[in-house]
Amino acid sequence: MFLISIAMGRSQPIVWTLMFKTEERAGSTFKMIQENMGSFALDDDFGQIISVEKANVVAVMCENAEMSKLAHIERGMHEQKIKSAIVTRMQADPAMRGHNPGPAILTPMMGR
């Protein structure tokens, strides 16, 4: 799936997303947004129709949803590797040995 996100409005933009089954259709719609002036209508492959005033378009992004998914996975893996490296360095640092930022242990209150 391919997505075109259109940010509309200057002070607080609202993002509308159109969805397409093929790269060709998404590409031609993206090109249409870039080349048109004034007002025009767009539709996607999932029944959405949008009326656009080009003067209100702040930004447009075309995205391959499958590649974006892979990018999110890669970023998540990278963040986990950073966390693992932090733990390894903490364990090797004499000043940090014995420091375990685990969950606090709750004890029952006496007399209640």
PDB file of N, CA and C in Angstrom:
ATOM      1  N   MET A   1       0.846  -1.163   0.000  1.00  0.00           N
ATOM      2  CA  MET A   1       0.000   0.000   0.000  1.00  0.00           C
ATOM      3  C   MET A   1       0.898   1.234   0.000  1.00  0.00           C
ATOM      4  N   PHE A   2       0.402   2.289  -0.628  1.00  0.00           N
ATOM      5  CA  PHE A   2       1.110   3.553  -0.708  1.00  0.00           C
ATOM      6  C   PHE A   2       0.219   4.648  -0.150  1.00  0.00           C
ATOM      7  N   LEU A   3       0.805   5.543   0.610  1.00  0.00           N
ATOM      8  CA  LEU A   3       0.053   6.595   1.282  1.00  0.00           C
ATOM      9  C   LEU A   3       0.528   7.958   0.806  1.00  0.00           C
ATOM     10  N   ILE A   4      -0.412   8.869   0.642  1.00  0.00           N
ATOM     11  CA  ILE A   4      -0.067  10.265   0.406  1.00  0.00           C
ATOM     12  C   ILE A   4      -0.688  11.055   1.551  1.00  0.00           C
ATOM     13  N   SER A   5       0.159  11.683   2.351  1.00  0.00           N
ATOM     14  CA  SER A   5      -0.300  12.507   3.459  1.00  0.00           C
ATOM     15  C   SER A   5      -0.197  13.966   3.037  1.00  0.00           C
ATOM     16  N   ILE A   6      -1.306  14.694   3.210  1.00  0.00           N
ATOM     17  CA  ILE A   6      -1.369  16.091   2.806  1.00  0.00           C
ATOM     18  C   ILE A   6      -1.624  16.932   4.049  1.00  0.00           C
ATOM     19  N   ALA A   7      -0.682  17.811   4.387  1.00  0.00           N
ATOM     20  CA  ALA A   7      -0.858  18.727   5.517  1.00  0.00           C
ATOM     21  C   ALA A   7      -1.538  19.984   4.991  1.00  0.00           C
ATOM     22  N   MET A   8      -2.713  20.276   5.559  1.00  0.00           N
ATOM     23  CA  MET A   8      -3.512  21.422   5.122  1.00  0.00           C
ATOM     24  C   MET A   8      -3.628  22.426   6.261  1.00  0.00           C
ATOM     25  N   GLY A   9      -3.444  23.711   5.944  1.00  0.00           N
ATOM     26  CA  GLY A   9      -3.596  24.778   6.935  1.00  0.00           C
ATOM     27  C   GLY A   9      -2.253  25.255   7.430  1.00  0.00           C
ATOM     28  N   ARG A  10      -2.153  26.520   7.739  1.00  0.00           N
ATOM     29  CA  ARG A  10      -0.874  27.120   8.114  1.00  0.00           C
ATOM     30  C   ARG A  10      -0.617  27.123   9.623  1.00  0.00           C
ATOM     31  N   SER A  11      -1.573  27.559  10.430  1.00  0.00           N
ATOM     32  CA  SER A  11      -1.287  27.709  11.857  1.00  0.00           C
ATOM     33  C   SER A  11      -1.262  26.364  12.582  1.00  0.00           C
ATOM     34  N   GLN A  12      -2.268  25.531  12.364  1.00  0.00           N
ATOM     35  CA  GLN A  12      -2.305  24.195  12.945  1.00  0.00           C
ATOM     36  C   GLN A  12      -2.727  23.222  11.852  1.00  0.00           C
ATOM     37  N   PRO A  13      -1.759  22.733  11.083  1.00  0.00           N
ATOM     38  CA  PRO A  13      -2.103  21.869   9.943  1.00  0.00           C
ATOM     39  C   PRO A  13      -2.855  20.605  10.359  1.00  0.00           C
ATOM     40  N   ILE A  14      -3.782  20.215   9.513  1.00  0.00           N
ATOM     41  CA  ILE A  14      -4.492  18.950   9.643  1.00  0.00           C
ATOM     42  C   ILE A  14      -3.966  18.056   8.531  1.00  0.00           C
ATOM     43  N   VAL A  15      -3.663  16.813   8.853  1.00  0.00           N
ATOM     44  CA  VAL A  15      -3.116  15.893   7.859  1.00  0.00           C
ATOM     45  C   VAL A  15      -4.205  14.941   7.399  1.00  0.00           C
ATOM     46  N   TRP A  16      -4.415  14.891   6.098  1.00  0.00           N
ATOM     47  CA  TRP A  16      -5.337  13.946   5.476  1.00  0.00           C
ATOM     48  C   TRP A  16      -4.487  12.938   4.717  1.00  0.00           C
ATOM     49  N   THR A  17      -4.831  11.665   4.844  1.00  0.00           N
ATOM     50  CA  THR A  17      -4.055  10.620   4.180  1.00  0.00           C
ATOM     51  C   THR A  17      -4.920   9.887   3.165  1.00  0.00           C
ATOM     52  N   LEU A  18      -4.408   9.804   1.952  1.00  0.00           N
ATOM     53  CA  LEU A  18      -5.041   9.031   0.887  1.00  0.00           C
ATOM     54  C   LEU A  18      -4.257   7.733   0.731  1.00  0.00           C
ATOM     55  N   MET A  19      -4.952   6.629   0.415  1.00  0.00           N
ATOM     56  CA  MET A  19      -4.319   5.312   0.343  1.00  0.00           C
ATOM     57  C   MET A  19      -4.488   4.710  -1.057  1.00  0.00           C
ATOM     58  N   PHE A  20      -3.417   4.119  -1.547  1.00  0.00           N
ATOM     59  CA  PHE A  20      -3.409   3.570  -2.903  1.00  0.00           C
ATOM     60  C   PHE A  20      -2.842   2.159  -2.911  1.00  0.00           C
ATOM     61  N   LYS A  21      -3.368   1.338  -3.809  1.00  0.00           N
ATOM     62  CA  LYS A  21      -2.917  -0.048  -3.919  1.00  0.00           C
ATOM     63  C   LYS A  21      -1.635  -0.168  -4.736  1.00  0.00           C
ATOM     64  N   THR A  22      -1.418   0.767  -5.675  1.00  0.00           N
ATOM     65  CA  THR A  22      -0.242   0.669  -6.544  1.00  0.00           C
ATOM     66  C   THR A  22       0.622   1.925  -6.446  1.00  0.00           C
ATOM     67  N   GLU A  23       1.906   1.732  -6.681  1.00  0.00           N
ATOM     68  CA  GLU A  23       2.855   2.841  -6.669  1.00  0.00           C
ATOM     69  C   GLU A  23       2.561   3.820  -7.806  1.00  0.00           C
ATOM     70  N   GLU A  24       2.126   3.289  -8.946  1.00  0.00           N
ATOM     71  CA  GLU A  24       1.846   4.135 -10.104  1.00  0.00           C
ATOM     72  C   GLU A  24       0.719   5.125  -9.806  1.00  0.00           C
ATOM     73  N   ARG A  25      -0.342   4.627  -9.203  1.00  0.00           N
ATOM     74  CA  ARG A  25      -1.490   5.495  -8.890  1.00  0.00           C
ATOM     75  C   ARG A  25      -1.105   6.530  -7.848  1.00  0.00           C
ATOM     76  N   ALA A  26      -0.348   6.127  -6.837  1.00  0.00           N
ATOM     77  CA  ALA A  26       0.111   7.073  -5.818  1.00  0.00           C
ATOM     78  C   ALA A  26       1.027   8.118  -6.439  1.00  0.00           C
ATOM     79  N   GLY A  27       1.919   7.677  -7.312  1.00  0.00           N
ATOM     80  CA  GLY A  27       2.845   8.603  -7.973  1.00  0.00           C
ATOM     81  C   GLY A  27       2.134   9.615  -8.844  1.00  0.00           C
ATOM     82  N   SER A  28       1.137   9.169  -9.593  1.00  0.00           N
ATOM     83  CA  SER A  28       0.418  10.101 -10.464  1.00  0.00           C
ATOM     84  C   SER A  28      -0.403  11.095  -9.637  1.00  0.00           C
ATOM     85  N   THR A  29      -0.952  10.656  -8.507  1.00  0.00           N
ATOM     86  CA  THR A  29      -1.694  11.568  -7.631  1.00  0.00           C
ATOM     87  C   THR A  29      -0.744  12.567  -6.989  1.00  0.00           C
ATOM     88  N   PHE A  30       0.414  12.109  -6.564  1.00  0.00           N
ATOM     89  CA  PHE A  30       1.416  12.993  -5.970  1.00  0.00           C
ATOM     90  C   PHE A  30       1.830  14.069  -6.972  1.00  0.00           C
ATOM     91  N   LYS A  31       2.066  13.646  -8.209  1.00  0.00           N
ATOM     92  CA  LYS A  31       2.456  14.585  -9.270  1.00  0.00           C
ATOM     93  C   LYS A  31       1.332  15.593  -9.534  1.00  0.00           C
ATOM     94  N   MET A  32       0.093  15.117  -9.499  1.00  0.00           N
ATOM     95  CA  MET A  32      -1.055  15.999  -9.709  1.00  0.00           C
ATOM     96  C   MET A  32      -1.108  17.092  -8.639  1.00  0.00           C
ATOM     97  N   ILE A  33      -0.837  16.720  -7.401  1.00  0.00           N
ATOM     98  CA  ILE A  33      -0.829  17.698  -6.314  1.00  0.00           C
ATOM     99  C   ILE A  33       0.263  18.737  -6.543  1.00  0.00           C
ATOM    100  N   GLN A  34       1.428  18.286  -6.964  1.00  0.00           N
ATOM    101  CA  GLN A  34       2.546  19.197  -7.189  1.00  0.00           C
ATOM    102  C   GLN A  34       2.278  20.161  -8.337  1.00  0.00           C
ATOM    103  N   GLU A  35       1.647  19.687  -9.391  1.00  0.00           N
ATOM    104  CA  GLU A  35       1.499  20.496 -10.609  1.00  0.00           C
ATOM    105  C   GLU A  35       0.262  21.379 -10.637  1.00  0.00           C
ATOM    106  N   ASN A  36      -0.793  21.010  -9.915  1.00  0.00           N
ATOM    107  CA  ASN A  36      -2.035  21.779  -9.962  1.00  0.00           C
ATOM    108  C   ASN A  36      -1.962  23.035  -9.118  1.00  0.00           C
ATOM    109  N   MET A  37      -2.736  24.010  -9.548  1.00  0.00           N
ATOM    110  CA  MET A  37      -2.895  25.256  -8.800  1.00  0.00           C
ATOM    111  C   MET A  37      -4.390  25.441  -8.562  1.00  0.00           C
ATOM    112  N   GLY A  38      -4.740  26.309  -7.632  1.00  0.00           N
ATOM    113  CA  GLY A  38      -6.157  26.562  -7.381  1.00  0.00           C
ATOM    114  C   GLY A  38      -6.791  25.412  -6.628  1.00  0.00           C
ATOM    115  N   SER A  39      -8.038  25.110  -6.966  1.00  0.00           N
ATOM    116  CA  SER A  39      -8.791  24.033  -6.314  1.00  0.00           C
ATOM    117  C   SER A  39      -8.857  22.813  -7.222  1.00  0.00           C
ATOM    118  N   PHE A  40      -8.818  21.639  -6.603  1.00  0.00           N
ATOM    119  CA  PHE A  40      -8.965  20.392  -7.359  1.00  0.00           C
ATOM    120  C   PHE A  40      -9.396  19.296  -6.402  1.00  0.00           C
ATOM    121  N   ALA A  41      -9.918  18.218  -6.952  1.00  0.00           N
ATOM    122  CA  ALA A  41     -10.386  17.080  -6.151  1.00  0.00           C
ATOM    123  C   ALA A  41      -9.482  15.878  -6.384  1.00  0.00           C
ATOM    124  N   LEU A  42      -9.316  15.075  -5.337  1.00  0.00           N
ATOM    125  CA  LEU A  42      -8.524  13.852  -5.411  1.00  0.00           C
ATOM    126  C   LEU A  42      -9.329  12.716  -4.819  1.00  0.00           C
ATOM    127  N   ASP A  43      -9.101  11.508  -5.328  1.00  0.00           N
ATOM    128  CA  ASP A  43      -9.708  10.322  -4.732  1.00  0.00           C
ATOM    129  C   ASP A  43      -8.657   9.237  -4.623  1.00  0.00           C
ATOM    130  N   ASP A  44      -8.875   8.320  -3.674  1.00  0.00           N
ATOM    131  CA  ASP A  44      -7.932   7.224  -3.511  1.00  0.00           C
ATOM    132  C   ASP A  44      -8.592   5.896  -3.871  1.00  0.00           C
ATOM    133  N   ASP A  45      -7.891   4.805  -3.630  1.00  0.00           N
ATOM    134  CA  ASP A  45      -8.404   3.475  -3.980  1.00  0.00           C
ATOM    135  C   ASP A  45      -9.331   2.889  -2.917  1.00  0.00           C
ATOM    136  N   PHE A  46      -9.614   3.645  -1.859  1.00  0.00           N
ATOM    137  CA  PHE A  46     -10.445   3.141  -0.775  1.00  0.00           C
ATOM    138  C   PHE A  46     -11.663   4.020  -0.522  1.00  0.00           C
ATOM    139  N   GLY A  47     -12.090   4.744  -1.552  1.00  0.00           N
ATOM    140  CA  GLY A  47     -13.338   5.496  -1.481  1.00  0.00           C
ATOM    141  C   GLY A  47     -13.272   6.876  -0.861  1.00  0.00           C
ATOM    142  N   GLN A  48     -12.091   7.359  -0.543  1.00  0.00           N
ATOM    143  CA  GLN A  48     -11.966   8.702   0.006  1.00  0.00           C
ATOM    144  C   GLN A  48     -11.870   9.715  -1.131  1.00  0.00           C
ATOM    145  N   ILE A  49     -12.538  10.830  -0.974  1.00  0.00           N
ATOM    146  CA  ILE A  49     -12.462  11.925  -1.946  1.00  0.00           C
ATOM    147  C   ILE A  49     -12.176  13.195  -1.152  1.00  0.00           C
ATOM    148  N   ILE A  50     -11.223  13.975  -1.627  1.00  0.00           N
ATOM    149  CA  ILE A  50     -10.833  15.199  -0.938  1.00  0.00           C
ATOM    150  C   ILE A  50     -10.816  16.361  -1.925  1.00  0.00           C
ATOM    151  N   SER A  51     -11.301  17.499  -1.486  1.00  0.00           N
ATOM    152  CA  SER A  51     -11.231  18.729  -2.263  1.00  0.00           C
ATOM    153  C   SER A  51     -10.094  19.554  -1.684  1.00  0.00           C
ATOM    154  N   VAL A  52      -9.163  19.935  -2.526  1.00  0.00           N
ATOM    155  CA  VAL A  52      -7.941  20.591  -2.072  1.00  0.00           C
ATOM    156  C   VAL A  52      -7.860  22.010  -2.634  1.00  0.00           C
ATOM    157  N   GLU A  53      -7.505  22.941  -1.767  1.00  0.00           N
ATOM    158  CA  GLU A  53      -7.177  24.306  -2.177  1.00  0.00           C
ATOM    159  C   GLU A  53      -5.659  24.395  -2.082  1.00  0.00           C
ATOM    160  N   LYS A  54      -4.987  24.442  -3.216  1.00  0.00           N
ATOM    161  CA  LYS A  54      -3.524  24.358  -3.254  1.00  0.00           C
ATOM    162  C   LYS A  54      -2.852  25.392  -2.345  1.00  0.00           C
ATOM    163  N   ALA A  55      -3.443  26.571  -2.203  1.00  0.00           N
ATOM    164  CA  ALA A  55      -2.850  27.608  -1.352  1.00  0.00           C
ATOM    165  C   ALA A  55      -2.786  27.176   0.112  1.00  0.00           C
ATOM    166  N   ASN A  56      -3.607  26.218   0.515  1.00  0.00           N
ATOM    167  CA  ASN A  56      -3.629  25.750   1.901  1.00  0.00           C
ATOM    168  C   ASN A  56      -2.741  24.538   2.155  1.00  0.00           C
ATOM    169  N   VAL A  57      -2.115  24.002   1.106  1.00  0.00           N
ATOM    170  CA  VAL A  57      -1.254  22.827   1.261  1.00  0.00           C
ATOM    171  C   VAL A  57       0.098  23.267   1.816  1.00  0.00           C
ATOM    172  N   VAL A  58       0.455  22.725   2.973  1.00  0.00           N
ATOM    173  CA  VAL A  58       1.722  23.059   3.619  1.00  0.00           C
ATOM    174  C   VAL A  58       2.813  22.068   3.201  1.00  0.00           C
ATOM    175  N   ALA A  59       2.452  20.780   3.155  1.00  0.00           N
ATOM    176  CA  ALA A  59       3.422  19.745   2.800  1.00  0.00           C
ATOM    177  C   ALA A  59       2.685  18.515   2.295  1.00  0.00           C
ATOM    178  N   VAL A  60       3.370  17.739   1.451  1.00  0.00           N
ATOM    179  CA  VAL A  60       2.811  16.501   0.917  1.00  0.00           C
ATOM    180  C   VAL A  60       3.899  15.432   1.006  1.00  0.00           C
ATOM    181  N   MET A  61       3.517  14.232   1.485  1.00  0.00           N
ATOM    182  CA  MET A  61       4.474  13.137   1.580  1.00  0.00           C
ATOM    183  C   MET A  61       3.881  11.891   0.947  1.00  0.00           C
ATOM    184  N   CYS A  62       4.660  11.247   0.097  1.00  0.00           N
ATOM    185  CA  CYS A  62       4.272   9.974  -0.510  1.00  0.00           C
ATOM    186  C   CYS A  62       5.106   8.893   0.183  1.00  0.00           C
ATOM    187  N   GLU A  63       4.437   7.834   0.613  1.00  0.00           N
ATOM    188  CA  GLU A  63       5.091   6.830   1.453  1.00  0.00           C
ATOM    189  C   GLU A  63       4.734   5.420   1.006  1.00  0.00           C
ATOM    190  N   ASN A  64       5.735   4.569   0.940  1.00  0.00           N
ATOM    191  CA  ASN A  64       5.548   3.152   0.696  1.00  0.00           C
ATOM    192  C   ASN A  64       5.336   2.506   2.070  1.00  0.00           C
ATOM    193  N   ALA A  65       4.124   2.060   2.365  1.00  0.00           N
ATOM    194  CA  ALA A  65       3.788   1.561   3.698  1.00  0.00           C
ATOM    195  C   ALA A  65       4.632   0.346   4.094  1.00  0.00           C
ATOM    196  N   GLU A  66       4.954  -0.513   3.155  1.00  0.00           N
ATOM    197  CA  GLU A  66       5.765  -1.695   3.462  1.00  0.00           C
ATOM    198  C   GLU A  66       7.181  -1.298   3.869  1.00  0.00           C
ATOM    199  N   MET A  67       7.762  -0.354   3.157  1.00  0.00           N
ATOM    200  CA  MET A  67       9.106   0.119   3.491  1.00  0.00           C
ATOM    201  C   MET A  67       9.095   0.876   4.817  1.00  0.00           C
ATOM    202  N   SER A  68       8.031   1.613   5.091  1.00  0.00           N
ATOM    203  CA  SER A  68       7.915   2.326   6.370  1.00  0.00           C
ATOM    204  C   SER A  68       7.862   1.340   7.530  1.00  0.00           C
ATOM    205  N   LYS A  69       7.146   0.236   7.318  1.00  0.00           N
ATOM    206  CA  LYS A  69       7.071  -0.799   8.355  1.00  0.00           C
ATOM    207  C   LYS A  69       8.472  -1.348   8.651  1.00  0.00           C
ATOM    208  N   LEU A  70       9.229  -1.630   7.606  1.00  0.00           N
ATOM    209  CA  LEU A  70      10.593  -2.134   7.790  1.00  0.00           C
ATOM    210  C   LEU A  70      11.464  -1.097   8.492  1.00  0.00           C
ATOM    211  N   ALA A  71      11.274   0.167   8.166  1.00  0.00           N
ATOM    212  CA  ALA A  71      12.047   1.237   8.815  1.00  0.00           C
ATOM    213  C   ALA A  71      11.737   1.297  10.306  1.00  0.00           C
ATOM    214  N   HIS A  72      10.463   1.145  10.676  1.00  0.00           N
ATOM    215  CA  HIS A  72      10.089   1.153  12.094  1.00  0.00           C
ATOM    216  C   HIS A  72      10.712  -0.044  12.821  1.00  0.00           C
ATOM    217  N   ILE A  73      10.732  -1.197  12.177  1.00  0.00           N
ATOM    218  CA  ILE A  73      11.352  -2.384  12.769  1.00  0.00           C
ATOM    219  C   ILE A  73      12.843  -2.146  12.978  1.00  0.00           C
ATOM    220  N   GLU A  74      13.526  -1.619  11.954  1.00  0.00           N
ATOM    221  CA  GLU A  74      14.964  -1.354  12.058  1.00  0.00           C
ATOM    222  C   GLU A  74      15.253  -0.351  13.173  1.00  0.00           C
ATOM    223  N   ARG A  75      14.423   0.693  13.268  1.00  0.00           N
ATOM    224  CA  ARG A  75      14.629   1.697  14.312  1.00  0.00           C
ATOM    225  C   ARG A  75      14.426   1.079  15.698  1.00  0.00           C
ATOM    226  N   GLY A  76      13.388   0.257  15.860  1.00  0.00           N
ATOM    227  CA  GLY A  76      13.144  -0.411  17.132  1.00  0.00           C
ATOM    228  C   GLY A  76      14.298  -1.320  17.527  1.00  0.00           C
ATOM    229  N   MET A  77      14.820  -2.047  16.546  1.00  0.00           N
ATOM    230  CA  MET A  77      15.970  -2.920  16.819  1.00  0.00           C
ATOM    231  C   MET A  77      17.183  -2.097  17.233  1.00  0.00           C
ATOM    232  N   HIS A  78      17.394  -0.979  16.561  1.00  0.00           N
ATOM    233  CA  HIS A  78      18.521  -0.106  16.889  1.00  0.00           C
ATOM    234  C   HIS A  78      18.390   0.417  18.324  1.00  0.00           C
ATOM    235  N   GLU A  79      17.186   0.836  18.716  1.00  0.00           N
ATOM    236  CA  GLU A  79      16.962   1.330  20.072  1.00  0.00           C
ATOM    237  C   GLU A  79      17.213   0.235  21.112  1.00  0.00           C
ATOM    238  N   GLN A  80      16.809  -1.003  20.812  1.00  0.00           N
ATOM    239  CA  GLN A  80      17.057  -2.111  21.737  1.00  0.00           C
ATOM    240  C   GLN A  80      18.551  -2.401  21.858  1.00  0.00           C
ATOM    241  N   LYS A  81      19.288  -2.276  20.753  1.00  0.00           N
ATOM    242  CA  LYS A  81      20.742  -2.469  20.797  1.00  0.00           C
ATOM    243  C   LYS A  81      21.396  -1.401  21.663  1.00  0.00           C
ATOM    244  N   ILE A  82      20.877  -0.160  21.590  1.00  0.00           N
ATOM    245  CA  ILE A  82      21.405   0.912  22.432  1.00  0.00           C
ATOM    246  C   ILE A  82      21.156   0.584  23.899  1.00  0.00           C
ATOM    247  N   LYS A  83      19.951   0.144  24.230  1.00  0.00           N
ATOM    248  CA  LYS A  83      19.630  -0.214  25.617  1.00  0.00           C
ATOM    249  C   LYS A  83      20.526  -1.342  26.112  1.00  0.00           C
ATOM    250  N   SER A  84      20.767  -2.324  25.264  1.00  0.00           N
ATOM    251  CA  SER A  84      21.628  -3.445  25.628  1.00  0.00           C
ATOM    252  C   SER A  84      23.063  -2.968  25.854  1.00  0.00           C
ATOM    253  N   ALA A  85      23.532  -2.067  25.008  1.00  0.00           N
ATOM    254  CA  ALA A  85      24.892  -1.525  25.163  1.00  0.00           C
ATOM    255  C   ALA A  85      25.013  -0.731  26.452  1.00  0.00           C
ATOM    256  N   ILE A  86      23.964  -0.012  26.822  1.00  0.00           N
ATOM    257  CA  ILE A  86      23.974   0.741  28.077  1.00  0.00           C
ATOM    258  C   ILE A  86      24.118  -0.206  29.259  1.00  0.00           C
ATOM    259  N   VAL A  87      23.336  -1.284  29.265  1.00  0.00           N
ATOM    260  CA  VAL A  87      23.403  -2.265  30.354  1.00  0.00           C
ATOM    261  C   VAL A  87      24.800  -2.874  30.430  1.00  0.00           C
ATOM    262  N   THR A  88      25.369  -3.236  29.286  1.00  0.00           N
ATOM    263  CA  THR A  88      26.711  -3.831  29.249  1.00  0.00           C
ATOM    264  C   THR A  88      27.746  -2.870  29.817  1.00  0.00           C
ATOM    265  N   ARG A  89      27.683  -1.602  29.429  1.00  0.00           N
ATOM    266  CA  ARG A  89      28.646  -0.611  29.930  1.00  0.00           C
ATOM    267  C   ARG A  89      28.441  -0.342  31.415  1.00  0.00           C
ATOM    268  N   MET A  90      27.186  -0.330  31.861  1.00  0.00           N
ATOM    269  CA  MET A  90      26.926  -0.132  33.291  1.00  0.00           C
ATOM    270  C   MET A  90      27.528  -1.283  34.098  1.00  0.00           C
ATOM    271  N   GLN A  91      27.401  -2.508  33.595  1.00  0.00           N
ATOM    272  CA  GLN A  91      27.929  -3.672  34.305  1.00  0.00           C
ATOM    273  C   GLN A  91      29.454  -3.649  34.352  1.00  0.00           C
ATOM    274  N   ALA A  92      30.086  -3.057  33.328  1.00  0.00           N
ATOM    275  CA  ALA A  92      31.551  -2.998  33.275  1.00  0.00           C
ATOM    276  C   ALA A  92      32.120  -1.817  34.057  1.00  0.00           C
ATOM    277  N   ASP A  93      31.322  -0.837  34.376  1.00  0.00           N
ATOM    278  CA  ASP A  93      31.779   0.366  35.071  1.00  0.00           C
ATOM    279  C   ASP A  93      31.800   0.113  36.580  1.00  0.00           C
ATOM    280  N   PRO A  94      32.980   0.225  37.214  1.00  0.00           N
ATOM    281  CA  PRO A  94      33.079  -0.030  38.663  1.00  0.00           C
ATOM    282  C   PRO A  94      32.146   0.855  39.487  1.00  0.00           C
ATOM    283  N   ALA A  95      31.936   2.075  39.074  1.00  0.00           N
ATOM    284  CA  ALA A  95      31.068   2.978  39.825  1.00  0.00           C
ATOM    285  C   ALA A  95      29.604   2.563  39.728  1.00  0.00           C
ATOM    286  N   MET A  96      29.256   1.806  38.714  1.00  0.00           N
ATOM    287  CA  MET A  96      27.866   1.411  38.498  1.00  0.00           C
ATOM    288  C   MET A  96      27.576  -0.011  38.954  1.00  0.00           C
ATOM    289  N   ARG A  97      28.613  -0.771  39.331  1.00  0.00           N
ATOM    290  CA  ARG A  97      28.384  -2.159  39.754  1.00  0.00           C
ATOM    291  C   ARG A  97      27.456  -2.195  40.949  1.00  0.00           C
ATOM    292  N   GLY A  98      26.557  -3.096  40.914  1.00  0.00           N
ATOM    293  CA  GLY A  98      25.614  -3.234  42.006  1.00  0.00           C
ATOM    294  C   GLY A  98      24.413  -2.318  41.882  1.00  0.00           C
ATOM    295  N   HIS A  99      24.483  -1.407  40.952  1.00  0.00           N
ATOM    296  CA  HIS A  99      23.347  -0.501  40.726  1.00  0.00           C
ATOM    297  C   HIS A  99      22.341  -1.232  39.840  1.00  0.00           C
ATOM    298  N   ASN A 100      21.180  -1.505  40.424  1.00  0.00           N
ATOM    299  CA  ASN A 100      20.143  -2.210  39.671  1.00  0.00           C
ATOM    300  C   ASN A 100      18.871  -1.371  39.713  1.00  0.00           C
ATOM    301  N   PRO A 101      18.583  -0.641  38.629  1.00  0.00           N
ATOM    302  CA  PRO A 101      17.387   0.205  38.635  1.00  0.00           C
ATOM    303  C   PRO A 101      16.110  -0.594  38.379  1.00  0.00           C
ATOM    304  N   GLY A 102      15.961  -1.693  39.084  1.00  0.00           N
ATOM    305  CA  GLY A 102      14.777  -2.536  38.924  1.00  0.00           C
ATOM    306  C   GLY A 102      13.573  -1.940  39.636  1.00  0.00           C
ATOM    307  N   PRO A 103      12.463  -2.641  39.605  1.00  0.00           N
ATOM    308  CA  PRO A 103      11.247  -2.120  40.231  1.00  0.00           C
ATOM    309  C   PRO A 103      11.381  -2.062  41.753  1.00  0.00           C
ATOM    310  N   ALA A 104      10.730  -1.070  42.339  1.00  0.00           N
ATOM    311  CA  ALA A 104      10.756  -0.933  43.802  1.00  0.00           C
ATOM    312  C   ALA A 104       9.930  -2.058  44.427  1.00  0.00           C
ATOM    313  N   ILE A 105      10.341  -2.483  45.605  1.00  0.00           N
ATOM    314  CA  ILE A 105       9.615  -3.534  46.312  1.00  0.00           C
ATOM    315  C   ILE A 105       8.674  -2.876  47.311  1.00  0.00           C
ATOM    316  N   LEU A 106       7.401  -3.205  47.230  1.00  0.00           N
ATOM    317  CA  LEU A 106       6.427  -2.666  48.154  1.00  0.00           C
ATOM    318  C   LEU A 106       6.276  -3.597  49.344  1.00  0.00           C
ATOM    319  N   THR A 107       6.260  -3.004  50.517  1.00  0.00           N
ATOM    320  CA  THR A 107       6.058  -3.808  51.716  1.00  0.00           C
ATOM    321  C   THR A 107       4.758  -3.380  52.383  1.00  0.00           C
ATOM    322  N   PRO A 108       4.067  -4.330  53.042  1.00  0.00           N
ATOM    323  CA  PRO A 108       2.813  -3.960  53.698  1.00  0.00           C
ATOM    324  C   PRO A 108       3.078  -3.001  54.861  1.00  0.00           C
ATOM    325  N   MET A 109       2.138  -2.108  55.077  1.00  0.00           N
ATOM    326  CA  MET A 109       2.262  -1.152  56.180  1.00  0.00           C
ATOM    327  C   MET A 109       1.939  -1.866  57.488  1.00  0.00           C
ATOM    328  N   MET A 110       2.722  -1.578  58.487  1.00  0.00           N
ATOM    329  CA  MET A 110       2.521  -2.199  59.795  1.00  0.00           C
ATOM    330  C   MET A 110       1.261  -1.625  60.452  1.00  0.00           C
ATOM    331  N   GLY A 111       0.493  -2.462  61.141  1.00  0.00           N
ATOM    332  CA  GLY A 111      -0.646  -2.008  61.897  1.00  0.00           C
ATOM    333  C   GLY A 111      -1.895  -1.774  61.088  1.00  0.00           C
ATOM    334  N   ARG A 112      -1.916  -2.157  59.872  1.00  0.00           N
ATOM    335  CA  ARG A 112      -3.132  -1.949  59.051  1.00  0.00           C
ATOM    336  C   ARG A 112      -3.589  -3.231  58.441  1.00  0.00           C
TER     337      ARG A 112
END
